[in-house]
């Protein structure tokens, strides 16, 4: 069971990388970029459609919605682009800490707006 979960997590990580590459690609049409961007925000955001503290339902949205959205995007993107993104995945990734700082700043801003 744990091996299946590890494989699923690795596949999810790979698929999110493919979505990121599609989002950054200049050949991807704007409407696809909007859809991909929303999926990436949903995947990386701590906020869910159904809160995680609700038993069973809280985790079902992560286990069902995210793979369905990823599957839809993979159907929207051509196989040539997907192959190119998979080749890019094998290259080393530069890690930029300031992207994480930007996400934290956005969430702090949202909390401030809600609080006041």
PDB file of N, CA and C in Angstrom:
ATOM      1  N   UNK A   1       0.819  -1.198   0.000  1.00  0.00           N
ATOM      2  CA  UNK A   1       0.000   0.000   0.000  1.00  0.00           C
ATOM      3  C   UNK A   1       0.862   1.261   0.000  1.00  0.00           C
ATOM      4  N   UNK A   2       1.923   1.262   0.823  1.00  0.00           N
ATOM      5  CA  UNK A   2       2.772   2.451   0.896  1.00  0.00           C
ATOM      6  C   UNK A   2       3.504   2.687  -0.416  1.00  0.00           C
ATOM      7  N   UNK A   3       3.864   1.583  -1.086  1.00  0.00           N
ATOM      8  CA  UNK A   3       4.546   1.738  -2.370  1.00  0.00           C
ATOM      9  C   UNK A   3       3.626   2.389  -3.406  1.00  0.00           C
ATOM     10  N   UNK A   4       2.353   2.014  -3.377  1.00  0.00           N
ATOM     11  CA  UNK A   4       1.401   2.622  -4.301  1.00  0.00           C
ATOM     12  C   UNK A   4       1.233   4.111  -4.009  1.00  0.00           C
ATOM     13  N   UNK A   5       1.193   4.468  -2.726  1.00  0.00           N
ATOM     14  CA  UNK A   5       1.080   5.881  -2.365  1.00  0.00           C
ATOM     15  C   UNK A   5       2.316   6.668  -2.788  1.00  0.00           C
ATOM     16  N   UNK A   6       3.491   6.051  -2.627  1.00  0.00           N
ATOM     17  CA  UNK A   6       4.718   6.724  -3.054  1.00  0.00           C
ATOM     18  C   UNK A   6       4.727   6.924  -4.566  1.00  0.00           C
ATOM     19  N   UNK A   7       4.312   5.899  -5.296  1.00  0.00           N
ATOM     20  CA  UNK A   7       4.257   6.026  -6.751  1.00  0.00           C
ATOM     21  C   UNK A   7       3.244   7.084  -7.182  1.00  0.00           C
ATOM     22  N   UNK A   8       2.105   7.120  -6.492  1.00  0.00           N
ATOM     23  CA  UNK A   8       1.090   8.126  -6.804  1.00  0.00           C
ATOM     24  C   UNK A   8       1.623   9.528  -6.531  1.00  0.00           C
ATOM     25  N   UNK A   9       2.342   9.699  -5.414  1.00  0.00           N
ATOM     26  CA  UNK A   9       2.895  11.014  -5.079  1.00  0.00           C
ATOM     27  C   UNK A   9       3.951  11.434  -6.098  1.00  0.00           C
ATOM     28  N   UNK A  10       4.789  10.498  -6.534  1.00  0.00           N
ATOM     29  CA  UNK A  10       5.795  10.830  -7.550  1.00  0.00           C
ATOM     30  C   UNK A  10       5.134  11.203  -8.874  1.00  0.00           C
ATOM     31  N   UNK A  11       4.079  10.472  -9.235  1.00  0.00           N
ATOM     32  CA  UNK A  11       3.367  10.787 -10.475  1.00  0.00           C
ATOM     33  C   UNK A  11       2.703  12.157 -10.383  1.00  0.00           C
ATOM     34  N   UNK A  12       2.152  12.479  -9.221  1.00  0.00           N
ATOM     35  CA  UNK A  12       1.532  13.789  -9.022  1.00  0.00           C
ATOM     36  C   UNK A  12       2.570  14.899  -9.134  1.00  0.00           C
ATOM     37  N   UNK A  13       3.736  14.677  -8.546  1.00  0.00           N
ATOM     38  CA  UNK A  13       4.814  15.665  -8.629  1.00  0.00           C
ATOM     39  C   UNK A  13       5.256  15.854 -10.083  1.00  0.00           C
ATOM     40  N   UNK A  14       5.383  14.751 -10.820  1.00  0.00           N
ATOM     41  CA  UNK A  14       5.771  14.824 -12.231  1.00  0.00           C
ATOM     42  C   UNK A  14       4.707  15.560 -13.037  1.00  0.00           C
ATOM     43  N   UNK A  15       3.450  15.244 -12.765  1.00  0.00           N
ATOM     44  CA  UNK A  15       2.365  15.885 -13.512  1.00  0.00           C
ATOM     45  C   UNK A  15       2.275  17.376 -13.215  1.00  0.00           C
ATOM     46  N   UNK A  16       2.506  17.763 -11.977  1.00  0.00           N
ATOM     47  CA  UNK A  16       2.499  19.196 -11.652  1.00  0.00           C
ATOM     48  C   UNK A  16       3.648  19.909 -12.354  1.00  0.00           C
ATOM     49  N   UNK A  17       4.784  19.230 -12.493  1.00  0.00           N
ATOM     50  CA  UNK A  17       5.899  19.815 -13.230  1.00  0.00           C
ATOM     51  C   UNK A  17       5.524  19.992 -14.697  1.00  0.00           C
ATOM     52  N   UNK A  18       4.839  18.996 -15.270  1.00  0.00           N
ATOM     53  CA  UNK A  18       4.399  19.113 -16.659  1.00  0.00           C
ATOM     54  C   UNK A  18       3.431  20.285 -16.828  1.00  0.00           C
ATOM     55  N   UNK A  19       2.539  20.469 -15.857  1.00  0.00           N
ATOM     56  CA  UNK A  19       1.612  21.600 -15.914  1.00  0.00           C
ATOM     57  C   UNK A  19       2.372  22.927 -15.842  1.00  0.00           C
ATOM     58  N   UNK A  20       3.375  22.973 -14.980  1.00  0.00           N
ATOM     59  CA  UNK A  20       4.172  24.188 -14.855  1.00  0.00           C
ATOM     60  C   UNK A  20       4.880  24.498 -16.177  1.00  0.00           C
ATOM     61  N   UNK A  21       5.437  23.473 -16.808  1.00  0.00           N
ATOM     62  CA  UNK A  21       6.106  23.682 -18.098  1.00  0.00           C
ATOM     63  C   UNK A  21       5.118  24.159 -19.150  1.00  0.00           C
ATOM     64  N   UNK A  22       3.918  23.581 -19.157  1.00  0.00           N
ATOM     65  CA  UNK A  22       2.896  24.016 -20.119  1.00  0.00           C
ATOM     66  C   UNK A  22       2.481  25.461 -19.852  1.00  0.00           C
ATOM     67  N   UNK A  23       2.431  25.835 -18.583  1.00  0.00           N
ATOM     68  CA  UNK A  23       2.065  27.196 -18.220  1.00  0.00           C
ATOM     69  C   UNK A  23       3.122  28.194 -18.703  1.00  0.00           C
ATOM     70  N   UNK A  24       4.380  27.819 -18.601  1.00  0.00           N
ATOM     71  CA  UNK A  24       5.472  28.710 -18.978  1.00  0.00           C
ATOM     72  C   UNK A  24       5.726  28.734 -20.487  1.00  0.00           C
ATOM     73  N   UNK A  25       5.226  27.749 -21.215  1.00  0.00           N
ATOM     74  CA  UNK A  25       5.491  27.633 -22.643  1.00  0.00           C
ATOM     75  C   UNK A  25       4.749  28.714 -23.425  1.00  0.00           C
ATOM     76  N   UNK A  26       5.445  29.347 -24.354  1.00  0.00           N
ATOM     77  CA  UNK A  26       4.827  30.404 -25.154  1.00  0.00           C
ATOM     78  C   UNK A  26       3.871  29.844 -26.206  1.00  0.00           C
ATOM     79  N   UNK A  27       3.964  28.558 -26.518  1.00  0.00           N
ATOM     80  CA  UNK A  27       3.074  27.957 -27.511  1.00  0.00           C
ATOM     81  C   UNK A  27       1.716  27.583 -26.932  1.00  0.00           C
ATOM     82  N   UNK A  28       1.592  27.598 -25.609  1.00  0.00           N
ATOM     83  CA  UNK A  28       0.322  27.257 -24.982  1.00  0.00           C
ATOM     84  C   UNK A  28      -0.629  28.435 -25.110  1.00  0.00           C
ATOM     85  N   UNK A  29      -1.841  28.201 -25.636  1.00  0.00           N
ATOM     86  CA  UNK A  29      -2.817  29.302 -25.777  1.00  0.00           C
ATOM     87  C   UNK A  29      -3.214  29.885 -24.418  1.00  0.00           C
ATOM     88  N   UNK A  30      -3.677  31.132 -24.468  1.00  0.00           N
ATOM     89  CA  UNK A  30      -3.986  31.862 -23.237  1.00  0.00           C
ATOM     90  C   UNK A  30      -5.048  31.165 -22.399  1.00  0.00           C
ATOM     91  N   UNK A  31      -6.133  30.669 -23.022  1.00  0.00           N
ATOM     92  CA  UNK A  31      -7.198  30.048 -22.233  1.00  0.00           C
ATOM     93  C   UNK A  31      -6.721  28.781 -21.539  1.00  0.00           C
ATOM     94  N   UNK A  32      -5.786  28.064 -22.161  1.00  0.00           N
ATOM     95  CA  UNK A  32      -5.212  26.883 -21.505  1.00  0.00           C
ATOM     96  C   UNK A  32      -4.315  27.305 -20.342  1.00  0.00           C
ATOM     97  N   UNK A  33      -3.586  28.398 -20.529  1.00  0.00           N
ATOM     98  CA  UNK A  33      -2.726  28.893 -19.450  1.00  0.00           C
ATOM     99  C   UNK A  33      -3.547  29.301 -18.235  1.00  0.00           C
ATOM    100  N   UNK A  34      -4.703  29.907 -18.462  1.00  0.00           N
ATOM    101  CA  UNK A  34      -5.574  30.307 -17.360  1.00  0.00           C
ATOM    102  C   UNK A  34      -6.036  29.065 -16.600  1.00  0.00           C
ATOM    103  N   UNK A  35      -6.492  28.051 -17.320  1.00  0.00           N
ATOM    104  CA  UNK A  35      -6.953  26.809 -16.696  1.00  0.00           C
ATOM    105  C   UNK A  35      -5.819  26.118 -15.939  1.00  0.00           C
ATOM    106  N   UNK A  36      -4.652  26.048 -16.559  1.00  0.00           N
ATOM    107  CA  UNK A  36      -3.487  25.420 -15.915  1.00  0.00           C
ATOM    108  C   UNK A  36      -3.077  26.214 -14.684  1.00  0.00           C
ATOM    109  N   UNK A  37      -3.082  27.540 -14.789  1.00  0.00           N
ATOM    110  CA  UNK A  37      -2.721  28.377 -13.640  1.00  0.00           C
ATOM    111  C   UNK A  37      -3.657  28.159 -12.465  1.00  0.00           C
ATOM    112  N   UNK A  38      -4.946  28.048 -12.724  1.00  0.00           N
ATOM    113  CA  UNK A  38      -5.911  27.795 -11.652  1.00  0.00           C
ATOM    114  C   UNK A  38      -5.666  26.435 -10.996  1.00  0.00           C
ATOM    115  N   UNK A  39      -5.338  25.448 -11.799  1.00  0.00           N
ATOM    116  CA  UNK A  39      -5.050  24.121 -11.244  1.00  0.00           C
ATOM    117  C   UNK A  39      -3.786  24.158 -10.395  1.00  0.00           C
ATOM    118  N   UNK A  40      -2.757  24.841 -10.871  1.00  0.00           N
ATOM    119  CA  UNK A  40      -1.515  24.942 -10.087  1.00  0.00           C
ATOM    120  C   UNK A  40      -1.750  25.683  -8.783  1.00  0.00           C
ATOM    121  N   UNK A  41      -2.524  26.743  -8.829  1.00  0.00           N
ATOM    122  CA  UNK A  41      -2.834  27.470  -7.597  1.00  0.00           C
ATOM    123  C   UNK A  41      -3.594  26.576  -6.635  1.00  0.00           C
ATOM    124  N   UNK A  42      -4.570  25.824  -7.146  1.00  0.00           N
ATOM    125  CA  UNK A  42      -5.344  24.914  -6.295  1.00  0.00           C
ATOM    126  C   UNK A  42      -4.447  23.831  -5.701  1.00  0.00           C
ATOM    127  N   UNK A  43      -3.534  23.295  -6.512  1.00  0.00           N
ATOM    128  CA  UNK A  43      -2.658  22.217  -6.035  1.00  0.00           C
ATOM    129  C   UNK A  43      -1.683  22.701  -4.971  1.00  0.00           C
ATOM    130  N   UNK A  44      -1.185  23.906  -5.117  1.00  0.00           N
ATOM    131  CA  UNK A  44      -0.167  24.411  -4.197  1.00  0.00           C
ATOM    132  C   UNK A  44      -0.735  25.216  -3.036  1.00  0.00           C
ATOM    133  N   UNK A  45      -2.004  25.515  -3.096  1.00  0.00           N
ATOM    134  CA  UNK A  45      -2.631  26.332  -2.063  1.00  0.00           C
ATOM    135  C   UNK A  45      -3.011  25.498  -0.849  1.00  0.00           C
ATOM    136  N   UNK A  46      -2.882  26.059   0.337  1.00  0.00           N
ATOM    137  CA  UNK A  46      -3.339  25.337   1.534  1.00  0.00           C
ATOM    138  C   UNK A  46      -4.864  25.350   1.667  1.00  0.00           C
ATOM    139  N   UNK A  47      -5.542  26.159   0.889  1.00  0.00           N
ATOM    140  CA  UNK A  47      -6.998  26.232   0.943  1.00  0.00           C
ATOM    141  C   UNK A  47      -7.585  25.175   0.003  1.00  0.00           C
ATOM    142  N   UNK A  48      -8.678  24.555   0.431  1.00  0.00           N
ATOM    143  CA  UNK A  48      -9.348  23.536  -0.367  1.00  0.00           C
ATOM    144  C   UNK A  48     -10.807  23.924  -0.575  1.00  0.00           C
ATOM    145  N   UNK A  49     -11.431  23.289  -1.558  1.00  0.00           N
ATOM    146  CA  UNK A  49     -12.866  23.496  -1.747  1.00  0.00           C
ATOM    147  C   UNK A  49     -13.645  22.957  -0.556  1.00  0.00           C
ATOM    148  N   UNK A  50     -13.226  21.785  -0.088  1.00  0.00           N
ATOM    149  CA  UNK A  50     -13.822  21.181   1.103  1.00  0.00           C
ATOM    150  C   UNK A  50     -12.712  21.128   2.151  1.00  0.00           C
ATOM    151  N   UNK A  51     -12.897  21.758   3.323  1.00  0.00           N
ATOM    152  CA  UNK A  51     -11.827  21.776   4.325  1.00  0.00           C
ATOM    153  C   UNK A  51     -11.423  20.361   4.759  1.00  0.00           C
ATOM    154  N   UNK A  52     -10.126  20.193   5.041  1.00  0.00           N
ATOM    155  CA  UNK A  52      -9.598  18.871   5.380  1.00  0.00           C
ATOM    156  C   UNK A  52     -10.092  18.347   6.719  1.00  0.00           C
ATOM    157  N   UNK A  53     -10.567  19.212   7.602  1.00  0.00           N
ATOM    158  CA  UNK A  53     -11.010  18.720   8.911  1.00  0.00           C
ATOM    159  C   UNK A  53     -12.351  17.998   8.852  1.00  0.00           C
ATOM    160  N   UNK A  54     -13.051  18.081   7.725  1.00  0.00           N
ATOM    161  CA  UNK A  54     -14.290  17.323   7.558  1.00  0.00           C
ATOM    162  C   UNK A  54     -13.896  15.887   7.226  1.00  0.00           C
ATOM    163  N   UNK A  55     -14.328  14.931   8.045  1.00  0.00           N
ATOM    164  CA  UNK A  55     -13.894  13.541   7.834  1.00  0.00           C
ATOM    165  C   UNK A  55     -14.235  13.034   6.435  1.00  0.00           C
ATOM    166  N   UNK A  56     -13.341  12.327   5.855  1.00  0.00           N
ATOM    167  CA  UNK A  56     -13.415  11.674   4.555  1.00  0.00           C
ATOM    168  C   UNK A  56     -13.576  12.687   3.410  1.00  0.00           C
ATOM    169  N   UNK A  57     -14.590  13.522   3.426  1.00  0.00           N
ATOM    170  CA  UNK A  57     -14.833  14.464   2.332  1.00  0.00           C
ATOM    171  C   UNK A  57     -13.697  15.474   2.169  1.00  0.00           C
ATOM    172  N   UNK A  58     -13.045  15.820   3.273  1.00  0.00           N
ATOM    173  CA  UNK A  58     -11.984  16.814   3.220  1.00  0.00           C
ATOM    174  C   UNK A  58     -10.809  16.380   2.365  1.00  0.00           C
ATOM    175  N   UNK A  59     -10.517  15.087   2.360  1.00  0.00           N
ATOM    176  CA  UNK A  59      -9.396  14.598   1.560  1.00  0.00           C
ATOM    177  C   UNK A  59      -9.823  14.092   0.190  1.00  0.00           C
ATOM    178  N   UNK A  60     -11.104  13.840   0.021  1.00  0.00           N
ATOM    179  CA  UNK A  60     -11.571  13.346  -1.271  1.00  0.00           C
ATOM    180  C   UNK A  60     -11.391  14.372  -2.376  1.00  0.00           C
ATOM    181  N   UNK A  61     -11.528  15.654  -2.048  1.00  0.00           N
ATOM    182  CA  UNK A  61     -11.342  16.650  -3.103  1.00  0.00           C
ATOM    183  C   UNK A  61      -9.903  16.647  -3.603  1.00  0.00           C
ATOM    184  N   UNK A  62      -8.940  16.431  -2.698  1.00  0.00           N
ATOM    185  CA  UNK A  62      -7.542  16.353  -3.125  1.00  0.00           C
ATOM    186  C   UNK A  62      -7.276  15.075  -3.912  1.00  0.00           C
ATOM    187  N   UNK A  63      -7.888  13.991  -3.494  1.00  0.00           N
ATOM    188  CA  UNK A  63      -7.635  12.706  -4.140  1.00  0.00           C
ATOM    189  C   UNK A  63      -8.390  12.530  -5.447  1.00  0.00           C
ATOM    190  N   UNK A  64      -9.490  13.245  -5.629  1.00  0.00           N
ATOM    191  CA  UNK A  64     -10.300  13.087  -6.838  1.00  0.00           C
ATOM    192  C   UNK A  64     -10.195  14.272  -7.792  1.00  0.00           C
ATOM    193  N   UNK A  65     -10.368  15.474  -7.280  1.00  0.00           N
ATOM    194  CA  UNK A  65     -10.413  16.644  -8.159  1.00  0.00           C
ATOM    195  C   UNK A  65      -9.080  16.931  -8.842  1.00  0.00           C
ATOM    196  N   UNK A  66      -8.012  16.893  -8.081  1.00  0.00           N
ATOM    197  CA  UNK A  66      -6.710  17.225  -8.645  1.00  0.00           C
ATOM    198  C   UNK A  66      -6.312  16.260  -9.765  1.00  0.00           C
ATOM    199  N   UNK A  67      -6.412  14.948  -9.580  1.00  0.00           N
ATOM    200  CA  UNK A  67      -6.096  14.052 -10.707  1.00  0.00           C
ATOM    201  C   UNK A  67      -7.023  14.241 -11.911  1.00  0.00           C
ATOM    202  N   UNK A  68      -8.296  14.551 -11.675  1.00  0.00           N
ATOM    203  CA  UNK A  68      -9.213  14.789 -12.790  1.00  0.00           C
ATOM    204  C   UNK A  68      -8.799  16.044 -13.557  1.00  0.00           C
ATOM    205  N   UNK A  69      -8.464  17.109 -12.833  1.00  0.00           N
ATOM    206  CA  UNK A  69      -8.027  18.340 -13.493  1.00  0.00           C
ATOM    207  C   UNK A  69      -6.738  18.113 -14.288  1.00  0.00           C
ATOM    208  N   UNK A  70      -5.805  17.378 -13.697  1.00  0.00           N
ATOM    209  CA  UNK A  70      -4.545  17.091 -14.391  1.00  0.00           C
ATOM    210  C   UNK A  70      -4.807  16.269 -15.645  1.00  0.00           C
ATOM    211  N   UNK A  71      -5.707  15.292 -15.548  1.00  0.00           N
ATOM    212  CA  UNK A  71      -6.049  14.464 -16.705  1.00  0.00           C
ATOM    213  C   UNK A  71      -6.643  15.331 -17.816  1.00  0.00           C
ATOM    214  N   UNK A  72      -7.519  16.269 -17.443  1.00  0.00           N
ATOM    215  CA  UNK A  72      -8.122  17.157 -18.446  1.00  0.00           C
ATOM    216  C   UNK A  72      -7.070  17.989 -19.166  1.00  0.00           C
ATOM    217  N   UNK A  73      -6.113  18.518 -18.411  1.00  0.00           N
ATOM    218  CA  UNK A  73      -5.071  19.338 -19.026  1.00  0.00           C
ATOM    219  C   UNK A  73      -4.198  18.491 -19.934  1.00  0.00           C
ATOM    220  N   UNK A  74      -3.888  17.266 -19.514  1.00  0.00           N
ATOM    221  CA  UNK A  74      -3.070  16.399 -20.359  1.00  0.00           C
ATOM    222  C   UNK A  74      -3.788  16.060 -21.664  1.00  0.00           C
ATOM    223  N   UNK A  75      -5.113  16.016 -21.634  1.00  0.00           N
ATOM    224  CA  UNK A  75      -5.879  15.791 -22.859  1.00  0.00           C
ATOM    225  C   UNK A  75      -5.870  17.040 -23.747  1.00  0.00           C
ATOM    226  N   UNK A  76      -5.774  18.213 -23.133  1.00  0.00           N
ATOM    227  CA  UNK A  76      -5.789  19.468 -23.880  1.00  0.00           C
ATOM    228  C   UNK A  76      -4.449  19.759 -24.564  1.00  0.00           C
ATOM    229  N   UNK A  77      -3.358  19.233 -24.004  1.00  0.00           N
ATOM    230  CA  UNK A  77      -2.017  19.525 -24.504  1.00  0.00           C
ATOM    231  C   UNK A  77      -1.611  18.429 -25.495  1.00  0.00           C
ATOM    232  N   UNK A  78      -0.934  18.812 -26.553  1.00  0.00           N
ATOM    233  CA  UNK A  78      -0.515  17.840 -27.562  1.00  0.00           C
ATOM    234  C   UNK A  78       0.559  16.911 -27.003  1.00  0.00           C
ATOM    235  N   UNK A  79       0.673  15.731 -27.604  1.00  0.00           N
ATOM    236  CA  UNK A  79       1.655  14.751 -27.134  1.00  0.00           C
ATOM    237  C   UNK A  79       3.080  15.235 -27.380  1.00  0.00           C
ATOM    238  N   UNK A  80       3.288  16.011 -28.441  1.00  0.00           N
ATOM    239  CA  UNK A  80       4.630  16.550 -28.701  1.00  0.00           C
ATOM    240  C   UNK A  80       5.075  17.474 -27.572  1.00  0.00           C
ATOM    241  N   UNK A  81       4.155  18.318 -27.127  1.00  0.00           N
ATOM    242  CA  UNK A  81       4.486  19.220 -26.024  1.00  0.00           C
ATOM    243  C   UNK A  81       4.760  18.420 -24.751  1.00  0.00           C
ATOM    244  N   UNK A  82       3.938  17.422 -24.460  1.00  0.00           N
ATOM    245  CA  UNK A  82       4.144  16.614 -23.251  1.00  0.00           C
ATOM    246  C   UNK A  82       5.494  15.913 -23.280  1.00  0.00           C
ATOM    247  N   UNK A  83       5.880  15.385 -24.420  1.00  0.00           N
ATOM    248  CA  UNK A  83       7.189  14.733 -24.535  1.00  0.00           C
ATOM    249  C   UNK A  83       8.320  15.735 -24.308  1.00  0.00           C
ATOM    250  N   UNK A  84       8.150  16.930 -24.848  1.00  0.00           N
ATOM    251  CA  UNK A  84       9.177  17.968 -24.651  1.00  0.00           C
ATOM    252  C   UNK A  84       9.284  18.351 -23.176  1.00  0.00           C
ATOM    253  N   UNK A  85       8.152  18.442 -22.490  1.00  0.00           N
ATOM    254  CA  UNK A  85       8.165  18.783 -21.067  1.00  0.00           C
ATOM    255  C   UNK A  85       8.806  17.666 -20.233  1.00  0.00           C
ATOM    256  N   UNK A  86       8.556  16.418 -20.621  1.00  0.00           N
ATOM    257  CA  UNK A  86       9.179  15.307 -19.904  1.00  0.00           C
ATOM    258  C   UNK A  86      10.693  15.325 -20.080  1.00  0.00           C
ATOM    259  N   UNK A  87      11.166  15.722 -21.254  1.00  0.00           N
ATOM    260  CA  UNK A  87      12.606  15.857 -21.460  1.00  0.00           C
ATOM    261  C   UNK A  87      13.171  16.998 -20.623  1.00  0.00           C
ATOM    262  N   UNK A  88      12.416  18.079 -20.502  1.00  0.00           N
ATOM    263  CA  UNK A  88      12.854  19.192 -19.657  1.00  0.00           C
ATOM    264  C   UNK A  88      12.939  18.782 -18.191  1.00  0.00           C
ATOM    265  N   UNK A  89      12.092  17.841 -17.801  1.00  0.00           N
ATOM    266  CA  UNK A  89      12.041  17.417 -16.407  1.00  0.00           C
ATOM    267  C   UNK A  89      13.344  16.731 -15.995  1.00  0.00           C
ATOM    268  N   UNK A  90      14.030  16.152 -16.934  1.00  0.00           N
ATOM    269  CA  UNK A  90      15.272  15.448 -16.608  1.00  0.00           C
ATOM    270  C   UNK A  90      16.424  16.406 -16.339  1.00  0.00           C
ATOM    271  N   UNK A  91      16.275  17.664 -16.750  1.00  0.00           N
ATOM    272  CA  UNK A  91      17.313  18.665 -16.507  1.00  0.00           C
ATOM    273  C   UNK A  91      17.243  19.148 -15.059  1.00  0.00           C
ATOM    274  N   UNK A  92      18.372  19.569 -14.485  1.00  0.00           N
ATOM    275  CA  UNK A  92      18.326  20.081 -13.108  1.00  0.00           C
ATOM    276  C   UNK A  92      17.478  21.347 -12.999  1.00  0.00           C
ATOM    277  N   UNK A  93      16.814  21.490 -11.856  1.00  0.00           N
ATOM    278  CA  UNK A  93      15.898  22.604 -11.628  1.00  0.00           C
ATOM    279  C   UNK A  93      16.582  23.654 -10.760  1.00  0.00           C
ATOM    280  N   UNK A  94      16.475  24.906 -11.185  1.00  0.00           N
ATOM    281  CA  UNK A  94      16.929  25.993 -10.328  1.00  0.00           C
ATOM    282  C   UNK A  94      15.840  26.251  -9.302  1.00  0.00           C
ATOM    283  N   UNK A  95      16.221  26.383  -8.057  1.00  0.00           N
ATOM    284  CA  UNK A  95      15.241  26.640  -7.011  1.00  0.00           C
ATOM    285  C   UNK A  95      15.300  28.117  -6.640  1.00  0.00           C
ATOM    286  N   UNK A  96      14.149  28.750  -6.732  1.00  0.00           N
ATOM    287  CA  UNK A  96      14.046  30.165  -6.431  1.00  0.00           C
ATOM    288  C   UNK A  96      13.204  30.332  -5.170  1.00  0.00           C
ATOM    289  N   UNK A  97      13.819  30.727  -4.091  1.00  0.00           N
ATOM    290  CA  UNK A  97      13.131  30.863  -2.812  1.00  0.00           C
ATOM    291  C   UNK A  97      12.138  32.012  -2.830  1.00  0.00           C
ATOM    292  N   UNK A  98      12.346  32.994  -3.680  1.00  0.00           N
ATOM    293  CA  UNK A  98      11.478  34.174  -3.662  1.00  0.00           C
ATOM    294  C   UNK A  98      10.075  33.869  -4.185  1.00  0.00           C
ATOM    295  N   UNK A  99       9.902  32.775  -4.937  1.00  0.00           N
ATOM    296  CA  UNK A  99       8.546  32.388  -5.334  1.00  0.00           C
ATOM    297  C   UNK A  99       7.731  31.982  -4.101  1.00  0.00           C
ATOM    298  N   UNK A 100       8.354  31.238  -3.211  1.00  0.00           N
ATOM    299  CA  UNK A 100       7.676  30.865  -1.967  1.00  0.00           C
ATOM    300  C   UNK A 100       7.359  32.090  -1.132  1.00  0.00           C
ATOM    301  N   UNK A 101       8.266  33.046  -1.103  1.00  0.00           N
ATOM    302  CA  UNK A 101       8.046  34.283  -0.365  1.00  0.00           C
ATOM    303  C   UNK A 101       6.865  35.057  -0.948  1.00  0.00           C
ATOM    304  N   UNK A 102       6.734  35.040  -2.258  1.00  0.00           N
ATOM    305  CA  UNK A 102       5.610  35.704  -2.907  1.00  0.00           C
ATOM    306  C   UNK A 102       4.281  35.060  -2.507  1.00  0.00           C
ATOM    307  N   UNK A 103       4.230  33.739  -2.470  1.00  0.00           N
ATOM    308  CA  UNK A 103       3.001  33.040  -2.081  1.00  0.00           C
ATOM    309  C   UNK A 103       2.645  33.351  -0.629  1.00  0.00           C
ATOM    310  N   UNK A 104       3.638  33.347   0.251  1.00  0.00           N
ATOM    311  CA  UNK A 104       3.392  33.683   1.653  1.00  0.00           C
ATOM    312  C   UNK A 104       2.882  35.116   1.771  1.00  0.00           C
ATOM    313  N   UNK A 105       3.457  36.030   1.010  1.00  0.00           N
ATOM    314  CA  UNK A 105       3.025  37.428   1.059  1.00  0.00           C
ATOM    315  C   UNK A 105       1.585  37.577   0.573  1.00  0.00           C
ATOM    316  N   UNK A 106       1.226  36.850  -0.467  1.00  0.00           N
ATOM    317  CA  UNK A 106      -0.152  36.912  -0.963  1.00  0.00           C
ATOM    318  C   UNK A 106      -1.124  36.411   0.098  1.00  0.00           C
ATOM    319  N   UNK A 107      -0.792  35.293   0.740  1.00  0.00           N
ATOM    320  CA  UNK A 107      -1.689  34.753   1.767  1.00  0.00           C
ATOM    321  C   UNK A 107      -1.767  35.666   2.985  1.00  0.00           C
ATOM    322  N   UNK A 108      -0.668  36.297   3.358  1.00  0.00           N
ATOM    323  CA  UNK A 108      -0.717  37.250   4.465  1.00  0.00           C
ATOM    324  C   UNK A 108      -1.587  38.444   4.102  1.00  0.00           C
ATOM    325  N   UNK A 109      -1.515  38.892   2.861  1.00  0.00           N
ATOM    326  CA  UNK A 109      -2.351  39.992   2.401  1.00  0.00           C
ATOM    327  C   UNK A 109      -3.829  39.612   2.449  1.00  0.00           C
ATOM    328  N   UNK A 110      -4.151  38.394   1.999  1.00  0.00           N
ATOM    329  CA  UNK A 110      -5.537  37.922   2.030  1.00  0.00           C
ATOM    330  C   UNK A 110      -6.036  37.828   3.469  1.00  0.00           C
ATOM    331  N   UNK A 111      -5.222  37.312   4.366  1.00  0.00           N
ATOM    332  CA  UNK A 111      -5.600  37.208   5.780  1.00  0.00           C
ATOM    333  C   UNK A 111      -5.822  38.593   6.365  1.00  0.00           C
ATOM    334  N   UNK A 112      -4.959  39.540   5.999  1.00  0.00           N
ATOM    335  CA  UNK A 112      -5.104  40.906   6.506  1.00  0.00           C
ATOM    336  C   UNK A 112      -6.428  41.517   6.030  1.00  0.00           C
ATOM    337  N   UNK A 113      -6.766  41.306   4.771  1.00  0.00           N
ATOM    338  CA  UNK A 113      -8.022  41.832   4.238  1.00  0.00           C
ATOM    339  C   UNK A 113      -9.204  41.215   4.957  1.00  0.00           C
ATOM    340  N   UNK A 114      -9.188  39.935   5.174  1.00  0.00           N
ATOM    341  CA  UNK A 114     -10.279  39.257   5.849  1.00  0.00           C
ATOM    342  C   UNK A 114     -10.374  39.688   7.312  1.00  0.00           C
ATOM    343  N   UNK A 115      -9.231  39.826   7.957  1.00  0.00           N
ATOM    344  CA  UNK A 115      -9.198  40.171   9.384  1.00  0.00           C
ATOM    345  C   UNK A 115      -9.733  41.570   9.635  1.00  0.00           C
ATOM    346  N   UNK A 116      -9.363  42.504   8.755  1.00  0.00           N
ATOM    347  CA  UNK A 116      -9.784  43.898   8.956  1.00  0.00           C
ATOM    348  C   UNK A 116     -10.885  44.196   8.012  1.00  0.00           C
TER     349      UNK A 116
END
